[in-house]
All heavy atoms as atom14 arrays in JSON, in Angstrom:
{
  "sequence": "TLAWTSTAVQKQLTDLLGMLSMGLTRGPLTGIWGSWENATDEDVRAF",
  "atom14_mask": [
    [1, 1, 1, 1, 1, 1, 1, 0, 0, 0, 0, 0, 0, 0],
    [1, 1, 1, 1, 1, 1, 1, 1, 0, 0, 0, 0, 0, 0],
    [1, 1, 1, 1, 1, 0, 0, 0, 0, 0, 0, 0, 0, 0],
    [1, 1, 1, 1, 1, 1, 1, 1, 1, 1, 1, 1, 1, 1],
    [1, 1, 1, 1, 1, 1, 1, 0, 0, 0, 0, 0, 0, 0],
    [1, 1, 1, 1, 1, 1, 0, 0, 0, 0, 0, 0, 0, 0],
    [1, 1, 1, 1, 1, 1, 1, 0, 0, 0, 0, 0, 0, 0],
    [1, 1, 1, 1, 1, 0, 0, 0, 0, 0, 0, 0, 0, 0],
    [1, 1, 1, 1, 1, 1, 1, 0, 0, 0, 0, 0, 0, 0],
    [1, 1, 1, 1, 1, 1, 1, 1, 1, 0, 0, 0, 0, 0],
    [1, 1, 1, 1, 1, 1, 1, 1, 1, 0, 0, 0, 0, 0],
    [1, 1, 1, 1, 1, 1, 1, 1, 1, 0, 0, 0, 0, 0],
    [1, 1, 1, 1, 1, 1, 1, 1, 0, 0, 0, 0, 0, 0],
    [1, 1, 1, 1, 1, 1, 1, 0, 0, 0, 0, 0, 0, 0],
    [1, 1, 1, 1, 1, 1, 1, 1, 0, 0, 0, 0, 0, 0],
    [1, 1, 1, 1, 1, 1, 1, 1, 0, 0, 0, 0, 0, 0],
    [1, 1, 1, 1, 1, 1, 1, 1, 0, 0, 0, 0, 0, 0],
    [1, 1, 1, 1, 0, 0, 0, 0, 0, 0, 0, 0, 0, 0],
    [1, 1, 1, 1, 1, 1, 1, 1, 0, 0, 0, 0, 0, 0],
    [1, 1, 1, 1, 1, 1, 1, 1, 0, 0, 0, 0, 0, 0],
    [1, 1, 1, 1, 1, 1, 0, 0, 0, 0, 0, 0, 0, 0],
    [1, 1, 1, 1, 1, 1, 1, 1, 0, 0, 0, 0, 0, 0],
    [1, 1, 1, 1, 0, 0, 0, 0, 0, 0, 0, 0, 0, 0],
    [1, 1, 1, 1, 1, 1, 1, 1, 0, 0, 0, 0, 0, 0],
    [1, 1, 1, 1, 1, 1, 1, 0, 0, 0, 0, 0, 0, 0],
    [1, 1, 1, 1, 1, 1, 1, 1, 1, 1, 1, 0, 0, 0],
    [1, 1, 1, 1, 0, 0, 0, 0, 0, 0, 0, 0, 0, 0],
    [1, 1, 1, 1, 1, 1, 1, 0, 0, 0, 0, 0, 0, 0],
    [1, 1, 1, 1, 1, 1, 1, 1, 0, 0, 0, 0, 0, 0],
    [1, 1, 1, 1, 1, 1, 1, 0, 0, 0, 0, 0, 0, 0],
    [1, 1, 1, 1, 0, 0, 0, 0, 0, 0, 0, 0, 0, 0],
    [1, 1, 1, 1, 1, 1, 1, 1, 0, 0, 0, 0, 0, 0],
    [1, 1, 1, 1, 1, 1, 1, 1, 1, 1, 1, 1, 1, 1],
    [1, 1, 1, 1, 0, 0, 0, 0, 0, 0, 0, 0, 0, 0],
    [1, 1, 1, 1, 1, 1, 0, 0, 0, 0, 0, 0, 0, 0],
    [1, 1, 1, 1, 1, 1, 1, 1, 1, 1, 1, 1, 1, 1],
    [1, 1, 1, 1, 1, 1, 1, 1, 1, 0, 0, 0, 0, 0],
    [1, 1, 1, 1, 1, 1, 1, 1, 0, 0, 0, 0, 0, 0],
    [1, 1, 1, 1, 1, 0, 0, 0, 0, 0, 0, 0, 0, 0],
    [1, 1, 1, 1, 1, 1, 1, 0, 0, 0, 0, 0, 0, 0],
    [1, 1, 1, 1, 1, 1, 1, 1, 0, 0, 0, 0, 0, 0],
    [1, 1, 1, 1, 1, 1, 1, 1, 1, 0, 0, 0, 0, 0],
    [1, 1, 1, 1, 1, 1, 1, 1, 0, 0, 0, 0, 0, 0],
    [1, 1, 1, 1, 1, 1, 1, 0, 0, 0, 0, 0, 0, 0],
    [1, 1, 1, 1, 1, 1, 1, 1, 1, 1, 1, 0, 0, 0],
    [1, 1, 1, 1, 1, 0, 0, 0, 0, 0, 0, 0, 0, 0],
    [1, 1, 1, 1, 1, 1, 1, 1, 1, 1, 1, 0, 0, 0]
  ],
  "atom14_positions": [
    [[-80.52, -3.73, -70.35], [-80.51, -2.29, -70.62], [-79.31, -1.64, -69.94], [-78.61, -0.82, -70.55], [-81.82, -1.64, -70.13], [-82.92, -2.27, -70.79], [-81.83, -0.15, -70.4], [0.0, 0.0, 0.0], [0.0, 0.0, 0.0], [0.0, 0.0, 0.0], [0.0, 0.0, 0.0], [0.0, 0.0, 0.0], [0.0, 0.0, 0.0], [0.0, 0.0, 0.0]],
    [[-79.08, -1.99, -68.68], [-77.96, -1.41, -67.94], [-76.61, -1.78, -68.56], [-75.66, -1.01, -68.48], [-78.01, -1.85, -66.48], [-79.14, -1.28, -65.65], [-79.17, -1.92, -64.27], [-79.01, 0.23, -65.54], [0.0, 0.0, 0.0], [0.0, 0.0, 0.0], [0.0, 0.0, 0.0], [0.0, 0.0, 0.0], [0.0, 0.0, 0.0], [0.0, 0.0, 0.0]],
    [[-76.53, -2.97, -69.15], [-75.28, -3.39, -69.77], [-74.89, -2.46, -70.92], [-73.71, -2.36, -71.26], [-75.39, -4.83, -70.26], [0.0, 0.0, 0.0], [0.0, 0.0, 0.0], [0.0, 0.0, 0.0], [0.0, 0.0, 0.0], [0.0, 0.0, 0.0], [0.0, 0.0, 0.0], [0.0, 0.0, 0.0], [0.0, 0.0, 0.0], [0.0, 0.0, 0.0]],
    [[-75.87, -1.77, -71.5], [-75.59, -0.87, -72.62], [-75.33, 0.56, -72.16], [-75.03, 1.43, -72.98], [-76.77, -0.88, -73.61], [-76.78, -2.13, -74.42], [-77.46, -3.27, -74.15], [-76.05, -2.37, -75.62], [-77.21, -4.21, -75.12], [-76.34, -3.67, -76.04], [-75.17, -1.6, -76.38], [-75.79, -4.24, -77.18], [-74.63, -2.17, -77.53], [-74.94, -3.46, -77.92]],
    [[-75.43, 0.83, -70.86], [-75.19, 2.19, -70.36], [-73.7, 2.36, -70.05], [-72.94, 1.4, -70.02], [-76.01, 2.48, -69.09], [-75.6, 1.61, -68.04], [-77.5, 2.35, -69.35], [0.0, 0.0, 0.0], [0.0, 0.0, 0.0], [0.0, 0.0, 0.0], [0.0, 0.0, 0.0], [0.0, 0.0, 0.0], [0.0, 0.0, 0.0], [0.0, 0.0, 0.0]],
    [[-73.34, 3.59, -69.78], [-71.93, 3.88, -69.46], [-71.55, 3.28, -68.1], [-72.42, 3.03, -67.26], [-71.7, 5.39, -69.44], [-72.34, 5.96, -68.31], [0.0, 0.0, 0.0], [0.0, 0.0, 0.0], [0.0, 0.0, 0.0], [0.0, 0.0, 0.0], [0.0, 0.0, 0.0], [0.0, 0.0, 0.0], [0.0, 0.0, 0.0], [0.0, 0.0, 0.0]],
    [[-70.28, 3.09, -67.9], [-69.81, 2.56, -66.62], [-70.12, 3.54, -65.48], [-70.35, 3.11, -64.35], [-68.3, 2.24, -66.65], [-67.6, 3.4, -67.07], [-68.01, 1.09, -67.57], [0.0, 0.0, 0.0], [0.0, 0.0, 0.0], [0.0, 0.0, 0.0], [0.0, 0.0, 0.0], [0.0, 0.0, 0.0], [0.0, 0.0, 0.0], [0.0, 0.0, 0.0]],
    [[-70.16, 4.84, -65.77], [-70.49, 5.83, -64.74], [-71.93, 5.65, -64.27], [-72.21, 5.68, -63.06], [-70.27, 7.24, -65.26], [0.0, 0.0, 0.0], [0.0, 0.0, 0.0], [0.0, 0.0, 0.0], [0.0, 0.0, 0.0], [0.0, 0.0, 0.0], [0.0, 0.0, 0.0], [0.0, 0.0, 0.0], [0.0, 0.0, 0.0], [0.0, 0.0, 0.0]],
    [[-72.85, 5.44, -65.2], [-74.26, 5.22, -64.85], [-74.39, 3.9, -64.08], [-75.11, 3.83, -63.07], [-75.15, 5.22, -66.11], [-76.56, 4.73, -65.8], [-75.18, 6.61, -66.73], [0.0, 0.0, 0.0], [0.0, 0.0, 0.0], [0.0, 0.0, 0.0], [0.0, 0.0, 0.0], [0.0, 0.0, 0.0], [0.0, 0.0, 0.0], [0.0, 0.0, 0.0]],
    [[-73.71, 2.87, -64.55], [-73.75, 1.58, -63.85], [-73.25, 1.73, -62.42], [-73.85, 1.19, -61.49], [-72.91, 0.55, -64.59], [-73.49, 0.12, -65.91], [-72.57, -0.81, -66.68], [-71.58, -1.31, -66.16], [-72.91, -1.05, -67.94], [0.0, 0.0, 0.0], [0.0, 0.0, 0.0], [0.0, 0.0, 0.0], [0.0, 0.0, 0.0], [0.0, 0.0, 0.0]],
    [[-72.17, 2.47, -62.23], [-71.61, 2.66, -60.89], [-72.58, 3.41, -59.99], [-72.79, 3.03, -58.84], [-70.28, 3.41, -60.96], [-69.76, 3.87, -59.62], [-68.38, 3.38, -59.35], [-67.8, 3.85, -58.04], [-68.56, 3.56, -56.85], [0.0, 0.0, 0.0], [0.0, 0.0, 0.0], [0.0, 0.0, 0.0], [0.0, 0.0, 0.0], [0.0, 0.0, 0.0]],
    [[-73.19, 4.48, -60.5], [-74.15, 5.23, -59.7], [-75.32, 4.35, -59.28], [-75.75, 4.38, -58.13], [-74.67, 6.45, -60.47], [-73.66, 7.55, -60.59], [-74.2, 8.73, -61.4], [-75.14, 8.6, -62.17], [-73.59, 9.88, -61.19], [0.0, 0.0, 0.0], [0.0, 0.0, 0.0], [0.0, 0.0, 0.0], [0.0, 0.0, 0.0], [0.0, 0.0, 0.0]],
    [[-75.83, 3.57, -60.21], [-76.96, 2.72, -59.89], [-76.57, 1.61, -58.92], [-77.3, 1.33, -57.96], [-77.59, 2.13, -61.15], [-78.85, 1.32, -60.85], [-79.96, 2.22, -60.34], [-79.3, 0.57, -62.07], [0.0, 0.0, 0.0], [0.0, 0.0, 0.0], [0.0, 0.0, 0.0], [0.0, 0.0, 0.0], [0.0, 0.0, 0.0], [0.0, 0.0, 0.0]],
    [[-75.42, 0.97, -59.14], [-75.02, -0.1, -58.22], [-74.7, 0.46, -56.83], [-74.93, -0.23, -55.83], [-73.84, -0.93, -58.76], [-72.75, -0.06, -59.07], [-74.24, -1.73, -59.99], [0.0, 0.0, 0.0], [0.0, 0.0, 0.0], [0.0, 0.0, 0.0], [0.0, 0.0, 0.0], [0.0, 0.0, 0.0], [0.0, 0.0, 0.0], [0.0, 0.0, 0.0]],
    [[-74.23, 1.7, -56.74], [-74.03, 2.33, -55.43], [-75.38, 2.52, -54.74], [-75.52, 2.23, -53.55], [-73.32, 3.68, -55.57], [-71.85, 3.55, -55.88], [-71.3, 2.42, -55.81], [-71.22, 4.58, -56.21], [0.0, 0.0, 0.0], [0.0, 0.0, 0.0], [0.0, 0.0, 0.0], [0.0, 0.0, 0.0], [0.0, 0.0, 0.0], [0.0, 0.0, 0.0]],
    [[-76.37, 3.01, -55.47], [-77.7, 3.2, -54.91], [-78.29, 1.87, -54.46], [-78.79, 1.73, -53.33], [-78.63, 3.87, -55.93], [-80.11, 3.96, -55.55], [-80.31, 4.84, -54.32], [-80.93, 4.47, -56.72], [0.0, 0.0, 0.0], [0.0, 0.0, 0.0], [0.0, 0.0, 0.0], [0.0, 0.0, 0.0], [0.0, 0.0, 0.0], [0.0, 0.0, 0.0]],
    [[-78.21, 0.87, -55.33], [-78.76, -0.44, -54.99], [-78.01, -1.07, -53.82], [-78.61, -1.74, -52.98], [-78.72, -1.36, -56.21], [-79.55, -0.9, -57.41], [-79.4, -1.89, -58.57], [-81.0, -0.69, -57.05], [0.0, 0.0, 0.0], [0.0, 0.0, 0.0], [0.0, 0.0, 0.0], [0.0, 0.0, 0.0], [0.0, 0.0, 0.0], [0.0, 0.0, 0.0]],
    [[-76.7, -0.84, -53.76], [-75.92, -1.36, -52.64], [-76.36, -0.77, -51.31], [-76.47, -1.48, -50.31], [0.0, 0.0, 0.0], [0.0, 0.0, 0.0], [0.0, 0.0, 0.0], [0.0, 0.0, 0.0], [0.0, 0.0, 0.0], [0.0, 0.0, 0.0], [0.0, 0.0, 0.0], [0.0, 0.0, 0.0], [0.0, 0.0, 0.0], [0.0, 0.0, 0.0]],
    [[-76.63, 0.54, -51.29], [-77.1, 1.17, -50.06], [-78.47, 0.64, -49.65], [-78.76, 0.49, -48.48], [-77.18, 2.69, -50.22], [-75.85, 3.37, -50.15], [-75.96, 5.17, -49.97], [-77.31, 5.65, -51.0], [0.0, 0.0, 0.0], [0.0, 0.0, 0.0], [0.0, 0.0, 0.0], [0.0, 0.0, 0.0], [0.0, 0.0, 0.0], [0.0, 0.0, 0.0]],
    [[-79.31, 0.34, -50.64], [-80.65, -0.14, -50.34], [-80.68, -1.61, -49.97], [-81.6, -2.06, -49.29], [-81.57, 0.09, -51.54], [-81.86, 1.55, -51.87], [-82.7, 1.64, -53.15], [-82.54, 2.25, -50.72], [0.0, 0.0, 0.0], [0.0, 0.0, 0.0], [0.0, 0.0, 0.0], [0.0, 0.0, 0.0], [0.0, 0.0, 0.0], [0.0, 0.0, 0.0]],
    [[-79.67, -2.37, -50.37], [-79.68, -3.8, -50.06], [-78.9, -4.15, -48.8], [-79.15, -5.18, -48.2], [-79.17, -4.61, -51.26], [-77.84, -4.27, -51.55], [0.0, 0.0, 0.0], [0.0, 0.0, 0.0], [0.0, 0.0, 0.0], [0.0, 0.0, 0.0], [0.0, 0.0, 0.0], [0.0, 0.0, 0.0], [0.0, 0.0, 0.0], [0.0, 0.0, 0.0]],
    [[-77.99, -3.29, -48.39], [-77.2, -3.57, -47.19], [-78.01, -3.23, -45.94], [-78.54, -2.12, -45.82], [-75.9, -2.77, -47.23], [-74.94, -3.15, -46.12], [-73.32, -2.39, -46.3], [-73.72, -0.66, -46.23], [0.0, 0.0, 0.0], [0.0, 0.0, 0.0], [0.0, 0.0, 0.0], [0.0, 0.0, 0.0], [0.0, 0.0, 0.0], [0.0, 0.0, 0.0]],
    [[-78.11, -4.16, -45.02], [-78.93, -3.99, -43.83], [-78.59, -2.76, -43.02], [-79.48, -2.1, -42.46], [0.0, 0.0, 0.0], [0.0, 0.0, 0.0], [0.0, 0.0, 0.0], [0.0, 0.0, 0.0], [0.0, 0.0, 0.0], [0.0, 0.0, 0.0], [0.0, 0.0, 0.0], [0.0, 0.0, 0.0], [0.0, 0.0, 0.0], [0.0, 0.0, 0.0]],
    [[-77.32, -2.41, -42.94], [-76.88, -1.27, -42.13], [-77.45, 0.05, -42.64], [-77.77, 0.94, -41.85], [-75.34, -1.22, -42.14], [-74.66, -0.18, -41.26], [-74.99, -0.44, -39.79], [-73.16, -0.23, -41.46], [0.0, 0.0, 0.0], [0.0, 0.0, 0.0], [0.0, 0.0, 0.0], [0.0, 0.0, 0.0], [0.0, 0.0, 0.0], [0.0, 0.0, 0.0]],
    [[-77.63, 0.18, -43.93], [-78.16, 1.42, -44.49], [-79.61, 1.29, -44.94], [-80.32, 2.29, -45.03], [-77.31, 1.88, -45.69], [-77.18, 0.8, -46.62], [-75.94, 2.33, -45.23], [0.0, 0.0, 0.0], [0.0, 0.0, 0.0], [0.0, 0.0, 0.0], [0.0, 0.0, 0.0], [0.0, 0.0, 0.0], [0.0, 0.0, 0.0], [0.0, 0.0, 0.0]],
    [[-80.08, 0.08, -45.2], [-81.45, -0.13, -45.69], [-82.49, 0.38, -44.68], [-83.4, 1.12, -45.05], [-81.71, -1.6, -45.98], [-83.14, -1.87, -46.45], [-83.45, -3.34, -46.67], [-83.12, -4.14, -45.5], [-82.17, -5.08, -45.49], [-81.48, -5.33, -46.56], [-81.92, -5.76, -44.39], [0.0, 0.0, 0.0], [0.0, 0.0, 0.0], [0.0, 0.0, 0.0]],
    [[-82.35, 0.01, -43.43], [-83.33, 0.42, -42.43], [-83.48, 1.92, -42.31], [-84.59, 2.46, -42.47], [0.0, 0.0, 0.0], [0.0, 0.0, 0.0], [0.0, 0.0, 0.0], [0.0, 0.0, 0.0], [0.0, 0.0, 0.0], [0.0, 0.0, 0.0], [0.0, 0.0, 0.0], [0.0, 0.0, 0.0], [0.0, 0.0, 0.0], [0.0, 0.0, 0.0]],
    [[-82.38, 2.64, -42.04], [-82.51, 4.1, -41.92], [-82.97, 4.79, -43.2], [-83.7, 5.77, -43.15], [-81.1, 4.56, -41.55], [-80.43, 3.37, -41.0], [-81.05, 2.18, -41.67], [0.0, 0.0, 0.0], [0.0, 0.0, 0.0], [0.0, 0.0, 0.0], [0.0, 0.0, 0.0], [0.0, 0.0, 0.0], [0.0, 0.0, 0.0], [0.0, 0.0, 0.0]],
    [[-82.56, 4.28, -44.36], [-82.92, 4.95, -45.61], [-84.34, 4.63, -46.08], [-84.98, 5.46, -46.72], [-81.94, 4.56, -46.72], [-80.57, 5.22, -46.67], [-79.64, 4.62, -47.71], [-80.7, 6.72, -46.88], [0.0, 0.0, 0.0], [0.0, 0.0, 0.0], [0.0, 0.0, 0.0], [0.0, 0.0, 0.0], [0.0, 0.0, 0.0], [0.0, 0.0, 0.0]],
    [[-84.82, 3.43, -45.79], [-86.1, 3.0, -46.35], [-87.19, 2.76, -45.32], [-88.36, 2.74, -45.67], [-85.93, 1.68, -47.13], [-85.58, 0.64, -46.23], [-84.88, 1.81, -48.22], [0.0, 0.0, 0.0], [0.0, 0.0, 0.0], [0.0, 0.0, 0.0], [0.0, 0.0, 0.0], [0.0, 0.0, 0.0], [0.0, 0.0, 0.0], [0.0, 0.0, 0.0]],
    [[-86.8, 2.52, -44.08], [-87.79, 2.13, -43.07], [-88.08, 0.64, -43.13], [-88.92, 0.15, -42.38], [0.0, 0.0, 0.0], [0.0, 0.0, 0.0], [0.0, 0.0, 0.0], [0.0, 0.0, 0.0], [0.0, 0.0, 0.0], [0.0, 0.0, 0.0], [0.0, 0.0, 0.0], [0.0, 0.0, 0.0], [0.0, 0.0, 0.0], [0.0, 0.0, 0.0]],
    [[-87.4, -0.09, -44.0], [-87.58, -1.54, -44.1], [-86.4, -2.17, -43.37], [-85.28, -2.19, -43.88], [-87.65, -2.0, -45.57], [-88.87, -1.37, -46.23], [-87.67, -3.52, -45.68], [-88.96, -1.55, -47.72], [0.0, 0.0, 0.0], [0.0, 0.0, 0.0], [0.0, 0.0, 0.0], [0.0, 0.0, 0.0], [0.0, 0.0, 0.0], [0.0, 0.0, 0.0]],
    [[-86.65, -2.65, -42.17], [-85.57, -3.1, -41.3], [-85.24, -4.58, -41.5], [-84.15, -5.01, -41.18], [-85.92, -2.81, -39.84], [-86.02, -1.34, -39.62], [-87.15, -0.57, -39.71], [-84.95, -0.43, -39.35], [-86.84, 0.75, -39.5], [-85.5, 0.86, -39.28], [-83.59, -0.59, -39.16], [-84.74, 1.99, -39.01], [-82.84, 0.54, -38.9], [-83.4, 1.81, -38.82]],
    [[-86.16, -5.33, -42.06], [-85.89, -6.73, -42.34], [-85.43, -6.9, -43.78], [-85.08, -5.95, -44.47], [0.0, 0.0, 0.0], [0.0, 0.0, 0.0], [0.0, 0.0, 0.0], [0.0, 0.0, 0.0], [0.0, 0.0, 0.0], [0.0, 0.0, 0.0], [0.0, 0.0, 0.0], [0.0, 0.0, 0.0], [0.0, 0.0, 0.0], [0.0, 0.0, 0.0]],
    [[-85.45, -8.14, -44.24], [-85.01, -8.41, -45.61], [-86.07, -7.94, -46.62], [-87.25, -7.8, -46.28], [-84.75, -9.9, -45.79], [-85.98, -10.61, -45.73], [0.0, 0.0, 0.0], [0.0, 0.0, 0.0], [0.0, 0.0, 0.0], [0.0, 0.0, 0.0], [0.0, 0.0, 0.0], [0.0, 0.0, 0.0], [0.0, 0.0, 0.0], [0.0, 0.0, 0.0]],
    [[-85.64, -7.73, -47.84], [-86.56, -7.31, -48.89], [-87.58, -8.39, -49.19], [-88.71, -8.1, -49.57], [-85.8, -6.95, -50.16], [-85.18, -5.59, -50.08], [-83.87, -5.3, -49.84], [-85.84, -4.33, -50.2], [-83.68, -3.94, -49.82], [-84.87, -3.31, -50.04], [-87.16, -3.95, -50.44], [-85.19, -1.96, -50.11], [-87.47, -2.6, -50.51], [-86.49, -1.63, -50.34]],
    [[-87.2, -9.65, -49.02], [-88.12, -10.75, -49.28], [-89.32, -10.71, -48.34], [-90.41, -11.16, -48.68], [-87.42, -12.11, -49.15], [-86.41, -12.38, -50.24], [-84.99, -11.96, -49.84], [-84.83, -11.08, -48.96], [-84.03, -12.49, -50.41], [0.0, 0.0, 0.0], [0.0, 0.0, 0.0], [0.0, 0.0, 0.0], [0.0, 0.0, 0.0], [0.0, 0.0, 0.0]],
    [[-89.13, -10.15, -47.13], [-90.21, -10.09, -46.14], [-90.94, -8.76, -46.12], [-91.88, -8.58, -45.35], [-89.64, -10.37, -44.74], [-89.09, -11.77, -44.63], [-89.56, -12.7, -45.27], [-88.07, -11.95, -43.82], [0.0, 0.0, 0.0], [0.0, 0.0, 0.0], [0.0, 0.0, 0.0], [0.0, 0.0, 0.0], [0.0, 0.0, 0.0], [0.0, 0.0, 0.0]],
    [[-90.54, -7.83, -46.96], [-91.19, -6.51, -47.01], [-92.56, -6.64, -47.69], [-92.69, -7.3, -48.71], [-90.33, -5.52, -47.77], [0.0, 0.0, 0.0], [0.0, 0.0, 0.0], [0.0, 0.0, 0.0], [0.0, 0.0, 0.0], [0.0, 0.0, 0.0], [0.0, 0.0, 0.0], [0.0, 0.0, 0.0], [0.0, 0.0, 0.0], [0.0, 0.0, 0.0]],
    [[-93.56, -6.02, -47.09], [-94.9, -6.03, -47.68], [-95.0, -4.91, -48.71], [-94.18, -4.0, -48.74], [-95.97, -5.81, -46.59], [-95.8, -4.49, -46.05], [-95.86, -6.85, -45.49], [0.0, 0.0, 0.0], [0.0, 0.0, 0.0], [0.0, 0.0, 0.0], [0.0, 0.0, 0.0], [0.0, 0.0, 0.0], [0.0, 0.0, 0.0], [0.0, 0.0, 0.0]],
    [[-96.05, -4.99, -49.54], [-96.29, -3.92, -50.51], [-96.48, -2.58, -49.79], [-96.03, -1.55, -50.29], [-97.53, -4.22, -51.36], [-97.25, -5.18, -52.5], [-96.06, -5.4, -52.82], [-98.21, -5.7, -53.09], [0.0, 0.0, 0.0], [0.0, 0.0, 0.0], [0.0, 0.0, 0.0], [0.0, 0.0, 0.0], [0.0, 0.0, 0.0], [0.0, 0.0, 0.0]],
    [[-97.12, -2.61, -48.62], [-97.33, -1.38, -47.86], [-95.99, -0.8, -47.4], [-95.79, 0.43, -47.43], [-98.25, -1.62, -46.66], [-99.68, -1.95, -47.03], [-99.87, -3.4, -47.49], [-99.09, -4.29, -47.07], [-100.79, -3.64, -48.29], [0.0, 0.0, 0.0], [0.0, 0.0, 0.0], [0.0, 0.0, 0.0], [0.0, 0.0, 0.0], [0.0, 0.0, 0.0]],
    [[-95.07, -1.66, -46.95], [-93.74, -1.2, -46.53], [-93.01, -0.53, -47.7], [-92.43, 0.55, -47.56], [-92.88, -2.36, -46.03], [-93.4, -3.0, -44.76], [-94.11, -2.33, -44.0], [-93.07, -4.19, -44.54], [0.0, 0.0, 0.0], [0.0, 0.0, 0.0], [0.0, 0.0, 0.0], [0.0, 0.0, 0.0], [0.0, 0.0, 0.0], [0.0, 0.0, 0.0]],
    [[-93.03, -1.2, -48.84], [-92.33, -0.68, -50.02], [-93.0, 0.6, -50.52], [-92.32, 1.57, -50.86], [-92.26, -1.75, -51.14], [-91.62, -1.19, -52.39], [-91.5, -2.98, -50.65], [0.0, 0.0, 0.0], [0.0, 0.0, 0.0], [0.0, 0.0, 0.0], [0.0, 0.0, 0.0], [0.0, 0.0, 0.0], [0.0, 0.0, 0.0], [0.0, 0.0, 0.0]],
    [[-94.32, 0.63, -50.52], [-95.04, 1.82, -50.95], [-94.72, 3.0, -50.03], [-94.5, 4.13, -50.5], [-96.54, 1.56, -50.96], [-97.35, 2.64, -51.66], [-98.81, 2.26, -51.87], [-98.92, 1.13, -52.79], [-99.3, -0.11, -52.42], [-99.59, -0.37, -51.17], [-99.37, -1.07, -53.31], [0.0, 0.0, 0.0], [0.0, 0.0, 0.0], [0.0, 0.0, 0.0]],
    [[-94.67, 2.77, -48.72], [-94.35, 3.84, -47.77], [-92.93, 4.36, -48.02], [-92.69, 5.58, -47.99], [-94.49, 3.32, -46.34], [0.0, 0.0, 0.0], [0.0, 0.0, 0.0], [0.0, 0.0, 0.0], [0.0, 0.0, 0.0], [0.0, 0.0, 0.0], [0.0, 0.0, 0.0], [0.0, 0.0, 0.0], [0.0, 0.0, 0.0], [0.0, 0.0, 0.0]],
    [[-91.99, 3.45, -48.27], [-90.61, 3.86, -48.59], [-90.58, 4.71, -49.85], [-89.96, 5.79, -49.88], [-89.72, 2.61, -48.72], [-88.65, 2.68, -49.77], [-87.63, 3.61, -49.69], [-88.65, 1.8, -50.83], [-86.64, 3.67, -50.67], [-87.66, 1.84, -51.8], [-86.66, 2.78, -51.72], [0.0, 0.0, 0.0], [0.0, 0.0, 0.0], [0.0, 0.0, 0.0]]
  ]
}
């Protein structure tokens, strides 16, 4: 689906996903300080 969107939309989404996946910004933004693989449903729901 994303491949069919504009490059501007793709950039905005990849910027958002980049902030959420990078450890330096993930913890303060989400409250999930470890890796996403170790996040519980409760952690993700709280975020």
